[in-house]
Amino acid sequence: MKIADHRLYDQKVSAARTSVARQTGDALLQALQEREPDLRGHVDQVAGLALEVGRRMGLESDALSQVARAAELHDVGKVAVPDAILHKPGPLDEVEWSFMKQHTIVGDRILSAAPALEPVAKLVRSSHERYDGHGYPDKLKGDDIPLGARIVAVCDAFHAMTSDRPYRRSIGVPAALAELRRCSGLQFDPDVIDAFIGVVDPETATGAAEVAVLRPLPFPATA
């Protein structure tokens, strides 16, 4: 009975923490949407892809939730980026790019303010690290980069390449997958690339970003 009571208590605590994390994350997503309405569609689709890849890689429920939430919130730090940089219709110069690179650190600070989102904050901070150690902000390499962040990086890059931007058009799914393969082991984790390609097949999944988000995210209903 004592063991059962302890387990029940642990489940209640876990559910309460998940509820707080969900509500806090939803509030931040709404703030992001108010600032940048176009970003909401991007983060929703990146989250859908990350969820599918995480499932394919065998992540457990809690890890899946964290990956999906990190994918949704990976751009939250852009609320601190000036509009002139965020909306520039062309490549950023060196100073602007240095400023833009701070958005993962800002995202980490914002999310870490909510203790329930600390695991997600770590993934957001590392979502632009590179497998070869040449990413930012901490120059992490290989397995030192949290797996969830490695998953978000691939899904974010794919969605960016297959979306129209003010300064360039989508390169299409087959070309984007070819670029991911080319960067496997350099910018991206080869195991994540293999799992991603298993989710997004160029022969059958043109428009896969839209297909992936049809499944619900693994968050329990708010208590």
C-alpha atoms as a PDB file:
ATOM      1  CA  MET A   1       0.000   0.000   0.000  1.00  0.00           C
ATOM      2  CA  LYS A   2       2.820   2.397   0.840  1.00  0.00           C
ATOM      3  CA  ILE A   3       4.478   1.703  -2.509  1.00  0.00           C
ATOM      4  CA  ALA A   4       1.166   2.257  -4.288  1.00  0.00           C
ATOM      5  CA  ASP A   5       0.632   5.515  -2.386  1.00  0.00           C
ATOM      6  CA  HIS A   6       4.114   6.739  -3.294  1.00  0.00           C
ATOM      7  CA  ARG A   7       3.546   5.912  -6.950  1.00  0.00           C
ATOM      8  CA  LEU A   8       0.200   7.664  -6.969  1.00  0.00           C
ATOM      9  CA  TYR A   9       1.750  10.736  -5.347  1.00  0.00           C
ATOM     10  CA  ASP A  10       4.605  10.745  -7.891  1.00  0.00           C
ATOM     11  CA  GLN A  11       2.087  10.540 -10.731  1.00  0.00           C
ATOM     12  CA  LYS A  12       0.114  13.467  -9.327  1.00  0.00           C
ATOM     13  CA  VAL A  13       3.274  15.567  -8.953  1.00  0.00           C
ATOM     14  CA  SER A  14       4.372  14.683 -12.488  1.00  0.00           C
ATOM     15  CA  ALA A  15       0.936  15.569 -13.876  1.00  0.00           C
ATOM     16  CA  ALA A  16       0.968  18.899 -12.043  1.00  0.00           C
ATOM     17  CA  ARG A  17       4.422  19.758 -13.392  1.00  0.00           C
ATOM     18  CA  THR A  18       3.347  18.812 -16.919  1.00  0.00           C
ATOM     19  CA  SER A  19       0.264  20.994 -16.595  1.00  0.00           C
ATOM     20  CA  VAL A  20       2.337  23.973 -15.456  1.00  0.00           C
ATOM     21  CA  ALA A  21       4.828  23.424 -18.272  1.00  0.00           C
ATOM     22  CA  ARG A  22       2.015  23.166 -20.802  1.00  0.00           C
ATOM     23  CA  GLN A  23       0.286  26.328 -19.652  1.00  0.00           C
ATOM     24  CA  THR A  24       3.536  28.300 -19.467  1.00  0.00           C
ATOM     25  CA  GLY A  25       4.602  27.072 -22.895  1.00  0.00           C
ATOM     26  CA  ASP A  26       1.211  27.969 -24.362  1.00  0.00           C
ATOM     27  CA  ALA A  27       1.510  31.496 -22.966  1.00  0.00           C
ATOM     28  CA  LEU A  28       4.960  31.899 -24.514  1.00  0.00           C
ATOM     29  CA  LEU A  29       3.720  30.565 -27.848  1.00  0.00           C
ATOM     30  CA  GLN A  30       0.909  33.100 -27.790  1.00  0.00           C
ATOM     31  CA  ALA A  31       3.402  35.896 -27.089  1.00  0.00           C
ATOM     32  CA  LEU A  32       5.507  34.662 -30.006  1.00  0.00           C
ATOM     33  CA  GLN A  33       2.482  34.619 -32.279  1.00  0.00           C
ATOM     34  CA  GLU A  34       1.529  38.155 -31.289  1.00  0.00           C
ATOM     35  CA  ARG A  35       5.043  39.341 -32.165  1.00  0.00           C
ATOM     36  CA  GLU A  36       5.525  37.219 -35.302  1.00  0.00           C
ATOM     37  CA  PRO A  37       2.301  35.637 -36.613  1.00  0.00           C
ATOM     38  CA  ASP A  38       4.150  33.805 -39.404  1.00  0.00           C
ATOM     39  CA  LEU A  39       6.443  32.034 -36.945  1.00  0.00           C
ATOM     40  CA  ARG A  40       3.562  30.074 -35.383  1.00  0.00           C
ATOM     41  CA  GLY A  41       2.976  28.011 -38.504  1.00  0.00           C
ATOM     42  CA  HIS A  42       6.701  27.301 -38.742  1.00  0.00           C
ATOM     43  CA  VAL A  43       7.099  26.131 -35.155  1.00  0.00           C
ATOM     44  CA  ASP A  44       3.938  24.001 -35.297  1.00  0.00           C
ATOM     45  CA  GLN A  45       5.222  22.151 -38.341  1.00  0.00           C
ATOM     46  CA  VAL A  46       8.735  21.753 -36.935  1.00  0.00           C
ATOM     47  CA  ALA A  47       7.148  20.319 -33.774  1.00  0.00           C
ATOM     48  CA  GLY A  48       5.123  17.834 -35.811  1.00  0.00           C
ATOM     49  CA  LEU A  49       8.202  16.629 -37.636  1.00  0.00           C
ATOM     50  CA  ALA A  50      10.258  16.433 -34.436  1.00  0.00           C
ATOM     51  CA  LEU A  51       7.539  14.352 -32.813  1.00  0.00           C
ATOM     52  CA  GLU A  52       7.542  11.863 -35.697  1.00  0.00           C
ATOM     53  CA  VAL A  53      11.333  11.593 -35.691  1.00  0.00           C
ATOM     54  CA  GLY A  54      11.419  11.175 -31.913  1.00  0.00           C
ATOM     55  CA  ARG A  55       8.881   8.370 -32.123  1.00  0.00           C
ATOM     56  CA  ARG A  56      10.911   6.673 -34.835  1.00  0.00           C
ATOM     57  CA  MET A  57      14.022   6.899 -32.655  1.00  0.00           C
ATOM     58  CA  GLY A  58      12.206   5.261 -29.755  1.00  0.00           C
ATOM     59  CA  LEU A  59      11.985   8.191 -27.348  1.00  0.00           C
ATOM     60  CA  GLU A  60       9.871   7.650 -24.246  1.00  0.00           C
ATOM     61  CA  SER A  61       6.806   9.763 -23.489  1.00  0.00           C
ATOM     62  CA  ASP A  62       8.530  12.413 -21.334  1.00  0.00           C
ATOM     63  CA  ALA A  63      11.389  12.825 -23.811  1.00  0.00           C
ATOM     64  CA  LEU A  64       8.906  13.070 -26.682  1.00  0.00           C
ATOM     65  CA  SER A  65       7.000  15.794 -24.853  1.00  0.00           C
ATOM     66  CA  GLN A  66      10.197  17.754 -24.235  1.00  0.00           C
ATOM     67  CA  VAL A  67      11.335  17.449 -27.849  1.00  0.00           C
ATOM     68  CA  ALA A  68       7.962  18.522 -29.220  1.00  0.00           C
ATOM     69  CA  ARG A  69       7.789  21.444 -26.800  1.00  0.00           C
ATOM     70  CA  ALA A  70      11.350  22.508 -27.607  1.00  0.00           C
ATOM     71  CA  ALA A  71      10.493  22.406 -31.308  1.00  0.00           C
ATOM     72  CA  GLU A  72       7.484  24.632 -30.659  1.00  0.00           C
ATOM     73  CA  LEU A  73       9.525  27.078 -28.566  1.00  0.00           C
ATOM     74  CA  HIS A  74      12.899  26.988 -30.327  1.00  0.00           C
ATOM     75  CA  ASP A  75      12.321  30.465 -31.788  1.00  0.00           C
ATOM     76  CA  VAL A  76      10.970  32.114 -28.627  1.00  0.00           C
ATOM     77  CA  GLY A  77      14.233  34.048 -28.165  1.00  0.00           C
ATOM     78  CA  LYS A  78      13.528  35.903 -31.400  1.00  0.00           C
ATOM     79  CA  VAL A  79      11.161  38.145 -29.462  1.00  0.00           C
ATOM     80  CA  ALA A  80      14.349  40.028 -28.485  1.00  0.00           C
ATOM     81  CA  VAL A  81      15.605  40.389 -32.071  1.00  0.00           C
ATOM     82  CA  PRO A  82      14.925  43.818 -33.633  1.00  0.00           C
ATOM     83  CA  ASP A  83      12.432  43.865 -36.498  1.00  0.00           C
ATOM     84  CA  ALA A  84      15.040  45.372 -38.810  1.00  0.00           C
ATOM     85  CA  ILE A  85      17.092  42.187 -38.471  1.00  0.00           C
ATOM     86  CA  LEU A  86      14.243  39.704 -38.228  1.00  0.00           C
ATOM     87  CA  HIS A  87      12.510  41.056 -41.346  1.00  0.00           C
ATOM     88  CA  LYS A  88      15.543  41.942 -43.428  1.00  0.00           C
ATOM     89  CA  PRO A  89      14.799  40.832 -47.041  1.00  0.00           C
ATOM     90  CA  GLY A  90      18.274  39.484 -47.639  1.00  0.00           C
ATOM     91  CA  PRO A  91      21.351  37.927 -46.021  1.00  0.00           C
ATOM     92  CA  LEU A  92      22.432  39.319 -42.646  1.00  0.00           C
ATOM     93  CA  ASP A  93      25.767  41.072 -42.277  1.00  0.00           C
ATOM     94  CA  GLU A  94      28.301  39.982 -39.660  1.00  0.00           C
ATOM     95  CA  VAL A  95      27.008  42.267 -36.916  1.00  0.00           C
ATOM     96  CA  GLU A  96      23.382  41.330 -37.578  1.00  0.00           C
ATOM     97  CA  TRP A  97      24.228  37.642 -37.645  1.00  0.00           C
ATOM     98  CA  SER A  98      26.057  37.942 -34.310  1.00  0.00           C
ATOM     99  CA  PHE A  99      22.925  39.512 -32.847  1.00  0.00           C
ATOM    100  CA  MET A 100      20.707  36.806 -34.321  1.00  0.00           C
ATOM    101  CA  LYS A 101      22.868  34.076 -32.792  1.00  0.00           C
ATOM    102  CA  GLN A 102      21.909  35.339 -29.341  1.00  0.00           C
ATOM    103  CA  HIS A 103      18.323  34.153 -29.772  1.00  0.00           C
ATOM    104  CA  THR A 104      19.056  30.645 -28.446  1.00  0.00           C
ATOM    105  CA  ILE A 105      20.632  32.112 -25.306  1.00  0.00           C
ATOM    106  CA  VAL A 106      17.683  34.468 -24.849  1.00  0.00           C
ATOM    107  CA  GLY A 107      15.307  31.546 -25.381  1.00  0.00           C
ATOM    108  CA  ASP A 108      17.151  29.563 -22.714  1.00  0.00           C
ATOM    109  CA  ARG A 109      16.851  32.463 -20.248  1.00  0.00           C
ATOM    110  CA  ILE A 110      13.148  32.953 -20.957  1.00  0.00           C
ATOM    111  CA  LEU A 111      12.268  29.284 -20.577  1.00  0.00           C
ATOM    112  CA  SER A 112      14.533  28.728 -17.558  1.00  0.00           C
ATOM    113  CA  ALA A 113      12.491  31.314 -15.675  1.00  0.00           C
ATOM    114  CA  ALA A 114       9.828  28.587 -15.427  1.00  0.00           C
ATOM    115  CA  PRO A 115      11.330  25.611 -13.514  1.00  0.00           C
ATOM    116  CA  ALA A 116       8.937  23.197 -15.239  1.00  0.00           C
ATOM    117  CA  LEU A 117      10.454  24.159 -18.597  1.00  0.00           C
ATOM    118  CA  GLU A 118      14.135  23.828 -17.652  1.00  0.00           C
ATOM    119  CA  PRO A 119      14.605  20.571 -19.651  1.00  0.00           C
ATOM    120  CA  VAL A 120      13.061  22.265 -22.672  1.00  0.00           C
ATOM    121  CA  ALA A 121      15.273  25.325 -22.159  1.00  0.00           C
ATOM    122  CA  LYS A 122      18.404  23.158 -22.520  1.00  0.00           C
ATOM    123  CA  LEU A 123      17.150  21.777 -25.840  1.00  0.00           C
ATOM    124  CA  VAL A 124      16.297  25.241 -27.138  1.00  0.00           C
ATOM    125  CA  ARG A 125      19.733  26.566 -26.198  1.00  0.00           C
ATOM    126  CA  SER A 126      21.415  23.750 -28.134  1.00  0.00           C
ATOM    127  CA  SER A 127      19.102  23.718 -31.165  1.00  0.00           C
ATOM    128  CA  HIS A 128      21.706  25.468 -33.362  1.00  0.00           C
ATOM    129  CA  GLU A 129      24.727  23.462 -32.299  1.00  0.00           C
ATOM    130  CA  ARG A 130      26.429  21.453 -35.055  1.00  0.00           C
ATOM    131  CA  TYR A 131      27.426  17.808 -34.910  1.00  0.00           C
ATOM    132  CA  ASP A 132      30.994  18.784 -35.903  1.00  0.00           C
ATOM    133  CA  GLY A 133      31.271  21.328 -33.082  1.00  0.00           C
ATOM    134  CA  HIS A 134      31.047  24.478 -35.219  1.00  0.00           C
ATOM    135  CA  GLY A 135      27.590  25.566 -34.143  1.00  0.00           C
ATOM    136  CA  TYR A 136      26.467  28.030 -31.472  1.00  0.00           C
ATOM    137  CA  PRO A 137      26.294  29.153 -28.719  1.00  0.00           C
ATOM    138  CA  ASP A 138      28.437  26.602 -26.834  1.00  0.00           C
ATOM    139  CA  LYS A 139      30.333  24.792 -29.628  1.00  0.00           C
ATOM    140  CA  LEU A 140      29.043  21.424 -28.431  1.00  0.00           C
ATOM    141  CA  LYS A 141      29.948  18.406 -30.546  1.00  0.00           C
ATOM    142  CA  GLY A 142      28.435  14.997 -31.323  1.00  0.00           C
ATOM    143  CA  ASP A 143      26.663  13.285 -28.440  1.00  0.00           C
ATOM    144  CA  ASP A 144      27.442  16.227 -26.150  1.00  0.00           C
ATOM    145  CA  ILE A 145      24.522  17.926 -27.900  1.00  0.00           C
ATOM    146  CA  PRO A 146      21.237  16.750 -26.332  1.00  0.00           C
ATOM    147  CA  LEU A 147      19.448  14.322 -28.646  1.00  0.00           C
ATOM    148  CA  GLY A 148      16.282  16.417 -28.580  1.00  0.00           C
ATOM    149  CA  ALA A 149      18.236  19.435 -29.813  1.00  0.00           C
ATOM    150  CA  ARG A 150      19.781  17.346 -32.599  1.00  0.00           C
ATOM    151  CA  ILE A 151      16.293  16.324 -33.688  1.00  0.00           C
ATOM    152  CA  VAL A 152      14.976  19.898 -33.623  1.00  0.00           C
ATOM    153  CA  ALA A 153      17.974  21.106 -35.669  1.00  0.00           C
ATOM    154  CA  VAL A 154      17.238  18.699 -38.524  1.00  0.00           C
ATOM    155  CA  CYS A 155      13.498  19.377 -38.556  1.00  0.00           C
ATOM    156  CA  ASP A 156      14.028  23.149 -38.386  1.00  0.00           C
ATOM    157  CA  ALA A 157      16.516  23.088 -41.269  1.00  0.00           C
ATOM    158  CA  PHE A 158      14.224  20.948 -43.421  1.00  0.00           C
ATOM    159  CA  HIS A 159      11.216  23.173 -42.861  1.00  0.00           C
ATOM    160  CA  ALA A 160      13.274  26.304 -43.541  1.00  0.00           C
ATOM    161  CA  MET A 161      14.550  24.883 -46.841  1.00  0.00           C
ATOM    162  CA  THR A 162      11.078  23.793 -47.961  1.00  0.00           C
ATOM    163  CA  SER A 163       9.394  27.119 -47.107  1.00  0.00           C
ATOM    164  CA  ASP A 164       9.247  30.302 -49.160  1.00  0.00           C
ATOM    165  CA  ARG A 165      11.118  33.213 -47.609  1.00  0.00           C
ATOM    166  CA  PRO A 166      11.138  36.928 -48.581  1.00  0.00           C
ATOM    167  CA  TYR A 167      14.624  36.546 -50.081  1.00  0.00           C
ATOM    168  CA  ARG A 168      14.298  33.068 -51.662  1.00  0.00           C
ATOM    169  CA  ARG A 169      11.805  30.399 -52.633  1.00  0.00           C
ATOM    170  CA  SER A 170      11.537  26.857 -51.313  1.00  0.00           C
ATOM    171  CA  ILE A 171      14.071  24.453 -52.780  1.00  0.00           C
ATOM    172  CA  GLY A 172      11.586  21.564 -52.566  1.00  0.00           C
ATOM    173  CA  VAL A 173      11.529  18.321 -50.581  1.00  0.00           C
ATOM    174  CA  PRO A 174      13.936  16.201 -52.706  1.00  0.00           C
ATOM    175  CA  ALA A 175      16.592  18.949 -52.791  1.00  0.00           C
ATOM    176  CA  ALA A 176      16.191  19.594 -49.060  1.00  0.00           C
ATOM    177  CA  LEU A 177      16.668  15.916 -48.266  1.00  0.00           C
ATOM    178  CA  ALA A 178      19.739  15.816 -50.497  1.00  0.00           C
ATOM    179  CA  GLU A 179      21.170  18.769 -48.556  1.00  0.00           C
ATOM    180  CA  LEU A 180      20.473  17.043 -45.237  1.00  0.00           C
ATOM    181  CA  ARG A 181      22.274  13.931 -46.494  1.00  0.00           C
ATOM    182  CA  ARG A 182      25.221  16.060 -47.624  1.00  0.00           C
ATOM    183  CA  CYS A 183      25.468  17.623 -44.163  1.00  0.00           C
ATOM    184  CA  SER A 184      25.091  14.309 -42.284  1.00  0.00           C
ATOM    185  CA  GLY A 185      28.002  13.916 -39.879  1.00  0.00           C
ATOM    186  CA  LEU A 186      28.952  17.575 -40.306  1.00  0.00           C
ATOM    187  CA  GLN A 187      26.074  19.819 -39.322  1.00  0.00           C
ATOM    188  CA  PHE A 188      23.661  17.042 -38.364  1.00  0.00           C
ATOM    189  CA  ASP A 189      23.656  13.759 -36.424  1.00  0.00           C
ATOM    190  CA  PRO A 190      23.713  10.874 -38.975  1.00  0.00           C
ATOM    191  CA  ASP A 191      21.326   8.792 -36.846  1.00  0.00           C
ATOM    192  CA  VAL A 192      18.807  11.639 -36.744  1.00  0.00           C
ATOM    193  CA  ILE A 193      19.147  12.126 -40.505  1.00  0.00           C
ATOM    194  CA  ASP A 194      18.440   8.418 -41.062  1.00  0.00           C
ATOM    195  CA  ALA A 195      15.357   8.591 -38.843  1.00  0.00           C
ATOM    196  CA  PHE A 196      14.186  11.799 -40.501  1.00  0.00           C
ATOM    197  CA  ILE A 197      14.505  10.350 -43.988  1.00  0.00           C
ATOM    198  CA  GLY A 198      12.493   7.370 -42.777  1.00  0.00           C
ATOM    199  CA  VAL A 199       9.733   9.808 -41.835  1.00  0.00           C
ATOM    200  CA  VAL A 200       9.968  12.026 -44.932  1.00  0.00           C
ATOM    201  CA  ASP A 201      10.286   9.953 -48.117  1.00  0.00           C
ATOM    202  CA  PRO A 202      10.743  12.122 -51.246  1.00  0.00           C
ATOM    203  CA  GLU A 203       8.826   9.557 -53.315  1.00  0.00           C
ATOM    204  CA  THR A 204       5.739   9.563 -51.115  1.00  0.00           C
ATOM    205  CA  ALA A 205       5.796  12.624 -48.830  1.00  0.00           C
ATOM    206  CA  THR A 206       5.911  15.813 -50.862  1.00  0.00           C
ATOM    207  CA  GLY A 207       4.442  18.295 -48.406  1.00  0.00           C
ATOM    208  CA  ALA A 208       5.523  16.081 -45.513  1.00  0.00           C
ATOM    209  CA  ALA A 209       5.722  19.032 -43.133  1.00  0.00           C
ATOM    210  CA  GLU A 210       1.955  19.430 -43.376  1.00  0.00           C
ATOM    211  CA  VAL A 211       1.356  15.684 -43.068  1.00  0.00           C
ATOM    212  CA  ALA A 212       3.483  15.348 -39.942  1.00  0.00           C
ATOM    213  CA  VAL A 213       1.543  17.837 -37.839  1.00  0.00           C
ATOM    214  CA  LEU A 214      -1.742  16.009 -38.232  1.00  0.00           C
ATOM    215  CA  ARG A 215      -0.887  13.794 -35.250  1.00  0.00           C
ATOM    216  CA  PRO A 216      -1.539  15.397 -31.837  1.00  0.00           C
ATOM    217  CA  LEU A 217       1.402  16.405 -29.689  1.00  0.00           C
ATOM    218  CA  PRO A 218       1.968  14.096 -26.696  1.00  0.00           C
ATOM    219  CA  PHE A 219       0.840  16.549 -24.037  1.00  0.00           C
ATOM    220  CA  PRO A 220      -1.904  15.590 -21.588  1.00  0.00           C
ATOM    221  CA  ALA A 221      -4.917  17.851 -21.317  1.00  0.00           C
ATOM    222  CA  THR A 222      -4.443  20.750 -18.944  1.00  0.00           C
ATOM    223  CA  ALA A 223      -5.592  19.793 -15.463  1.00  0.00           C
END
